[in-house]
Amino acid sequence: MARIGCFGGENWEQYTLETGIHTLDGDSALWYVRSRLTTSDFDRGRRQQQVLRAMLNKGVDLNLIAQAPTLWETYQQSVETDLTLTRMLQLATIASAVRENGIQHIYLSQGELSAWTIPDTGAQVQLLNPEAAAQTFARLYEVPSINRANRTAITVEVLNASGNPDMARLAAENLSWFGFVPILAGDVESAPTSLTYYGQNFKGSYNWLLSWVFDKGMSQIALDSETESATNYRVVIGPDYSPCRNPLYAPRPSTTSD
């Protein structure tokens, strides 16, 4: 992914962020969420959601909720918000539950918008196509397809056969992004990427989504009706696995074809 920084003028050289796990400082994170010259506004929006999710995860892991009043005093002069401290504390108390129950990521894709240039200013904007975007907006008021709050979690055992320790973590992050519960089960000998579903049949499965996450066809998911597994799925991450999947093109719940 090659992007060019868009702050501090045009003096930033092109930089490629390789596939893997990265810890970004403030400047790098700002570049990551603002850059669009070599990508698009749509991809920038995806990266902004990605960083917000990472901030939530890190905040919960470090138990920053207990430090909320102190953080408020520290940053209120440099962060502008219309939230009161009381409301901020109310939201902070549910942060762990939000992560536990899963976060649904919703996007407007290019097919739901039309590019247009404002005649007077030359500014390039996107106009909403109401009919095309109707299904996306309806999802705001629907229970997510994989909702952990009122159903049993869909668990996925992840075995790493890629030889790269980052690949299992990236696969787990992708699974979590789409509502699955990943369980990292360690390394195994090198083998191609494979997917297995444990059950008597595929009825009620989430093959339509899991297959897309791993860039496989639904027919490539094996059915194991004999093994008593503690998880719903088993995924072996092979050297052929690529974690770079654009969620803008993820299938909708109504998608059932291979």
Protein backbone atom coordinates (compact mmCIF):
# COMPACT_ATOMS: atom_id res chain seq x y z
CA MET A 1 0.00 0.00 0.00
CA ALA A 2 1.81 3.11 -1.19
CA ARG A 3 0.51 6.42 0.08
CA ILE A 4 1.81 9.96 0.21
CA GLY A 5 1.51 12.06 3.35
CA CYS A 6 -0.81 15.02 3.02
CA PHE A 7 0.19 17.19 5.96
CA GLY A 8 3.23 19.40 6.24
CA GLY A 9 3.02 20.39 2.58
CA GLU A 10 4.03 18.30 -0.43
CA ASN A 11 7.51 17.44 0.80
CA TRP A 12 6.74 13.91 1.96
CA GLU A 13 8.21 11.21 -0.24
CA GLN A 14 6.18 8.17 -1.22
CA TYR A 15 6.17 5.54 1.49
CA THR A 16 4.95 1.95 1.37
CA LEU A 17 3.41 0.44 4.49
CA GLU A 18 4.09 -3.27 4.13
CA THR A 19 1.55 -5.90 5.13
CA GLY A 20 1.97 -6.69 8.82
CA ILE A 21 1.46 -5.37 12.35
CA HIS A 22 2.50 -1.74 12.81
CA THR A 23 2.67 0.55 15.84
CA LEU A 24 2.23 4.14 14.66
CA ASP A 25 3.25 7.30 16.48
CA GLY A 26 1.05 10.39 16.33
CA ASP A 27 2.46 11.78 13.07
CA SER A 28 2.36 8.42 11.32
CA ALA A 29 -1.20 7.74 12.47
CA LEU A 30 -2.26 11.17 11.20
CA TRP A 31 -0.66 10.43 7.84
CA TYR A 32 -2.39 7.04 7.72
CA VAL A 33 -5.88 8.45 8.27
CA ARG A 34 -5.48 11.52 6.05
CA SER A 35 -3.55 10.30 3.01
CA ARG A 36 -5.55 9.78 -0.17
CA LEU A 37 -3.39 10.86 -3.12
CA THR A 38 -2.56 7.31 -4.20
CA THR A 39 -5.81 5.74 -2.97
CA SER A 40 -9.24 7.38 -2.57
CA ASP A 41 -11.66 9.01 -0.15
CA PHE A 42 -13.33 5.63 0.24
CA ASP A 43 -10.13 3.90 1.30
CA ARG A 44 -9.28 6.79 3.60
CA GLY A 45 -12.63 6.35 5.34
CA ARG A 46 -11.87 2.66 5.85
CA ARG A 47 -8.49 3.49 7.39
CA GLN A 48 -10.09 6.02 9.71
CA GLN A 49 -12.47 3.34 11.00
CA GLN A 50 -9.50 1.01 11.38
CA VAL A 51 -7.58 3.48 13.54
CA LEU A 52 -10.62 4.30 15.69
CA ARG A 53 -11.12 0.59 16.30
CA ALA A 54 -7.44 0.18 17.22
CA MET A 55 -7.73 3.08 19.68
CA LEU A 56 -10.78 1.46 21.30
CA ASN A 57 -8.99 -1.88 21.62
CA LYS A 58 -5.87 -0.32 23.10
CA GLY A 59 -7.90 1.82 25.49
CA VAL A 60 -9.82 -1.20 26.78
CA ASP A 61 -6.66 -3.33 27.03
CA LEU A 62 -4.88 -0.63 29.07
CA ASN A 63 -7.98 0.00 31.21
CA LEU A 64 -7.92 3.70 30.36
CA ILE A 65 -11.55 3.91 31.48
CA ALA A 66 -10.32 4.25 35.06
CA GLN A 67 -8.20 7.22 33.95
CA ALA A 68 -10.98 9.00 32.05
CA PRO A 69 -11.23 12.02 34.41
CA THR A 70 -7.45 12.52 34.31
CA LEU A 71 -7.37 12.21 30.53
CA TRP A 72 -10.19 14.74 30.30
CA GLU A 73 -8.18 17.28 32.28
CA THR A 74 -5.07 16.60 30.21
CA TYR A 75 -6.60 16.92 26.75
CA GLN A 76 -9.54 19.29 27.09
CA GLN A 77 -7.40 22.23 25.97
CA SER A 78 -6.29 20.49 22.77
CA VAL A 79 -9.39 18.45 21.85
CA GLU A 80 -12.66 20.11 20.88
CA THR A 81 -15.88 18.21 21.64
CA ASP A 82 -19.50 18.95 22.53
CA LEU A 83 -19.54 16.00 24.96
CA THR A 84 -19.62 16.78 28.65
CA LEU A 85 -17.42 14.93 31.13
CA THR A 86 -20.51 13.21 32.54
CA ARG A 87 -21.54 11.95 29.12
CA MET A 88 -17.97 10.92 28.33
CA LEU A 89 -17.81 8.82 31.50
CA GLN A 90 -21.13 7.17 30.63
CA LEU A 91 -19.77 6.18 27.23
CA ALA A 92 -16.46 5.02 28.70
CA THR A 93 -18.20 2.55 31.00
CA ILE A 94 -19.71 0.66 28.06
CA ALA A 95 -16.51 0.51 25.98
CA SER A 96 -15.67 -3.05 27.06
CA ALA A 97 -19.21 -4.25 26.33
CA VAL A 98 -19.15 -2.62 22.90
CA ARG A 99 -16.01 -4.52 21.97
CA GLU A 100 -17.30 -7.77 23.46
CA ASN A 101 -20.58 -7.61 21.52
CA GLY A 102 -18.88 -6.63 18.27
CA ILE A 103 -18.83 -3.47 16.19
CA GLN A 104 -20.62 -3.32 12.86
CA HIS A 105 -18.75 -1.39 10.17
CA ILE A 106 -20.98 0.21 7.54
CA TYR A 107 -19.74 1.99 4.43
CA LEU A 108 -21.10 3.88 1.46
CA SER A 109 -19.40 2.39 -1.59
CA GLN A 110 -18.78 3.92 -4.98
CA GLY A 111 -21.93 2.42 -6.47
CA GLU A 112 -24.03 4.31 -3.93
CA LEU A 113 -22.47 7.68 -4.73
CA SER A 114 -21.86 9.72 -7.87
CA ALA A 115 -18.87 11.99 -8.41
CA TRP A 116 -19.73 15.62 -9.15
CA THR A 117 -17.76 18.85 -9.50
CA ILE A 118 -19.14 22.09 -8.04
CA PRO A 119 -19.16 24.53 -10.98
CA ASP A 120 -18.29 27.67 -9.00
CA THR A 121 -15.38 26.29 -7.00
CA GLY A 122 -14.23 23.22 -8.90
CA ALA A 123 -14.44 21.18 -5.70
CA GLN A 124 -14.95 17.46 -6.27
CA VAL A 125 -17.74 15.98 -4.16
CA GLN A 126 -19.84 12.84 -3.96
CA LEU A 127 -23.63 12.90 -4.36
CA LEU A 128 -25.79 10.26 -2.70
CA ASN A 129 -27.79 7.88 -4.88
CA PRO A 130 -30.75 7.31 -2.50
CA GLU A 131 -32.10 4.15 -4.15
CA ALA A 132 -28.70 2.48 -4.40
CA ALA A 133 -27.84 3.38 -0.79
CA ALA A 134 -31.20 2.39 0.71
CA GLN A 135 -30.02 -1.05 1.82
CA THR A 136 -26.92 0.37 3.49
CA PHE A 137 -28.93 2.92 5.48
CA ALA A 138 -31.45 0.23 6.45
CA ARG A 139 -28.61 -1.71 8.08
CA LEU A 140 -28.22 1.13 10.60
CA TYR A 141 -31.53 0.03 12.13
CA GLU A 142 -31.12 -3.72 11.80
CA VAL A 143 -29.46 -6.25 14.08
CA PRO A 144 -25.99 -7.04 12.64
CA SER A 145 -25.76 -10.33 10.76
CA ILE A 146 -23.31 -11.63 13.39
CA ASN A 147 -24.56 -10.06 16.60
CA ARG A 148 -22.86 -11.29 19.78
CA ALA A 149 -25.30 -9.51 22.10
CA ASN A 150 -28.23 -11.87 21.52
CA ARG A 151 -26.76 -15.00 19.94
CA THR A 152 -23.96 -17.48 20.46
CA ALA A 153 -20.65 -16.20 19.15
CA ILE A 154 -19.37 -17.64 15.86
CA THR A 155 -15.93 -18.91 16.84
CA VAL A 156 -13.03 -19.59 14.48
CA GLU A 157 -9.92 -21.57 15.42
CA VAL A 158 -6.91 -20.09 13.62
CA LEU A 159 -3.83 -22.23 12.95
CA ASN A 160 -0.79 -20.54 11.45
CA ALA A 161 0.94 -22.55 8.71
CA SER A 162 2.35 -19.50 6.92
CA GLY A 163 5.67 -19.25 8.73
CA ASN A 164 4.92 -15.59 9.47
CA PRO A 165 3.66 -14.88 13.02
CA ASP A 166 1.98 -11.66 11.87
CA MET A 167 -0.36 -13.51 9.50
CA ALA A 168 -2.34 -15.19 12.27
CA ARG A 169 -2.81 -11.88 14.08
CA LEU A 170 -3.91 -10.20 10.87
CA ALA A 171 -6.35 -13.02 10.16
CA ALA A 172 -7.73 -12.69 13.69
CA GLU A 173 -8.17 -8.95 13.23
CA ASN A 174 -10.02 -9.46 9.95
CA LEU A 175 -12.29 -12.05 11.56
CA SER A 176 -13.03 -9.78 14.49
CA TRP A 177 -13.74 -6.87 12.12
CA PHE A 178 -16.57 -8.86 10.54
CA GLY A 179 -18.03 -10.14 13.82
CA PHE A 180 -16.39 -13.54 14.22
CA VAL A 181 -14.58 -14.53 17.42
CA PRO A 182 -11.05 -15.72 16.52
CA ILE A 183 -9.16 -18.17 18.71
CA LEU A 184 -5.43 -18.30 17.95
CA ALA A 185 -4.32 -21.93 18.26
CA GLY A 186 -0.61 -21.68 17.47
CA ASP A 187 1.68 -22.69 14.62
CA VAL A 188 1.58 -25.84 12.48
CA GLU A 189 3.67 -27.18 9.61
CA SER A 190 3.42 -25.36 6.29
CA ALA A 191 0.19 -26.06 4.41
CA PRO A 192 -2.13 -24.21 2.02
CA THR A 193 -4.92 -22.08 3.42
CA SER A 194 -7.98 -24.21 4.21
CA LEU A 195 -11.36 -23.64 5.85
CA THR A 196 -13.49 -26.19 7.73
CA TYR A 197 -16.99 -25.88 9.17
CA TYR A 198 -18.08 -28.17 12.00
CA GLY A 199 -21.73 -29.20 11.80
CA GLN A 200 -24.19 -31.70 10.37
CA ASN A 201 -24.76 -29.44 7.35
CA PHE A 202 -24.15 -25.86 6.25
CA LYS A 203 -27.59 -24.60 7.29
CA GLY A 204 -27.20 -21.49 9.44
CA SER A 205 -23.49 -21.18 8.67
CA TYR A 206 -21.68 -17.99 7.75
CA ASN A 207 -19.82 -19.47 4.81
CA TRP A 208 -20.97 -16.58 2.60
CA LEU A 209 -18.92 -14.17 4.72
CA LEU A 210 -16.04 -16.32 5.97
CA SER A 211 -15.19 -17.47 2.45
CA TRP A 212 -14.92 -13.85 1.32
CA VAL A 213 -12.70 -12.89 4.28
CA PHE A 214 -10.18 -15.51 3.14
CA ASP A 215 -10.72 -14.96 -0.60
CA LYS A 216 -12.14 -18.44 -1.16
CA GLY A 217 -15.30 -19.76 -2.78
CA MET A 218 -17.98 -21.16 -0.51
CA SER A 219 -17.52 -24.55 -2.18
CA GLN A 220 -13.95 -24.58 -0.83
CA ILE A 221 -15.13 -24.75 2.79
CA ALA A 222 -15.00 -28.36 3.98
CA LEU A 223 -17.82 -29.82 6.08
CA ASP A 224 -16.82 -31.92 9.10
CA SER A 225 -19.88 -33.55 10.64
CA GLU A 226 -17.98 -36.08 12.77
CA THR A 227 -15.50 -34.07 14.85
CA GLU A 228 -16.81 -32.61 18.09
CA SER A 229 -15.17 -29.19 18.00
CA ALA A 230 -15.31 -26.38 20.54
CA THR A 231 -15.34 -23.89 17.65
CA ASN A 232 -17.65 -23.40 14.67
CA TYR A 233 -14.83 -23.11 12.15
CA ARG A 234 -11.21 -24.11 11.74
CA VAL A 235 -8.93 -22.03 9.52
CA VAL A 236 -5.39 -22.94 8.53
CA ILE A 237 -3.42 -19.88 7.37
CA GLY A 238 -0.98 -20.91 4.66
CA PRO A 239 1.81 -19.08 2.80
CA ASP A 240 -0.77 -18.25 0.11
CA TYR A 241 -2.91 -16.22 2.53
CA SER A 242 -3.32 -12.48 1.97
CA PRO A 243 -5.01 -10.41 4.69
CA CYS A 244 -5.59 -7.44 2.37
CA ARG A 245 -9.35 -7.54 1.83
CA ASN A 246 -11.24 -4.33 1.10
CA PRO A 247 -14.35 -4.33 3.33
CA LEU A 248 -16.07 -1.98 0.89
CA TYR A 249 -16.64 -5.06 -1.26
CA ALA A 250 -17.63 -7.49 1.49
CA PRO A 251 -20.83 -9.45 0.73
CA ARG A 252 -24.12 -8.42 2.32
CA PRO A 253 -26.18 -10.88 4.42
CA SER A 254 -28.43 -11.59 1.43
CA THR A 255 -25.50 -12.93 -0.60
CA THR A 256 -25.71 -16.72 -0.82
CA SER A 257 -24.07 -17.64 -4.11
CA ASP A 258 -20.53 -18.96 -4.51
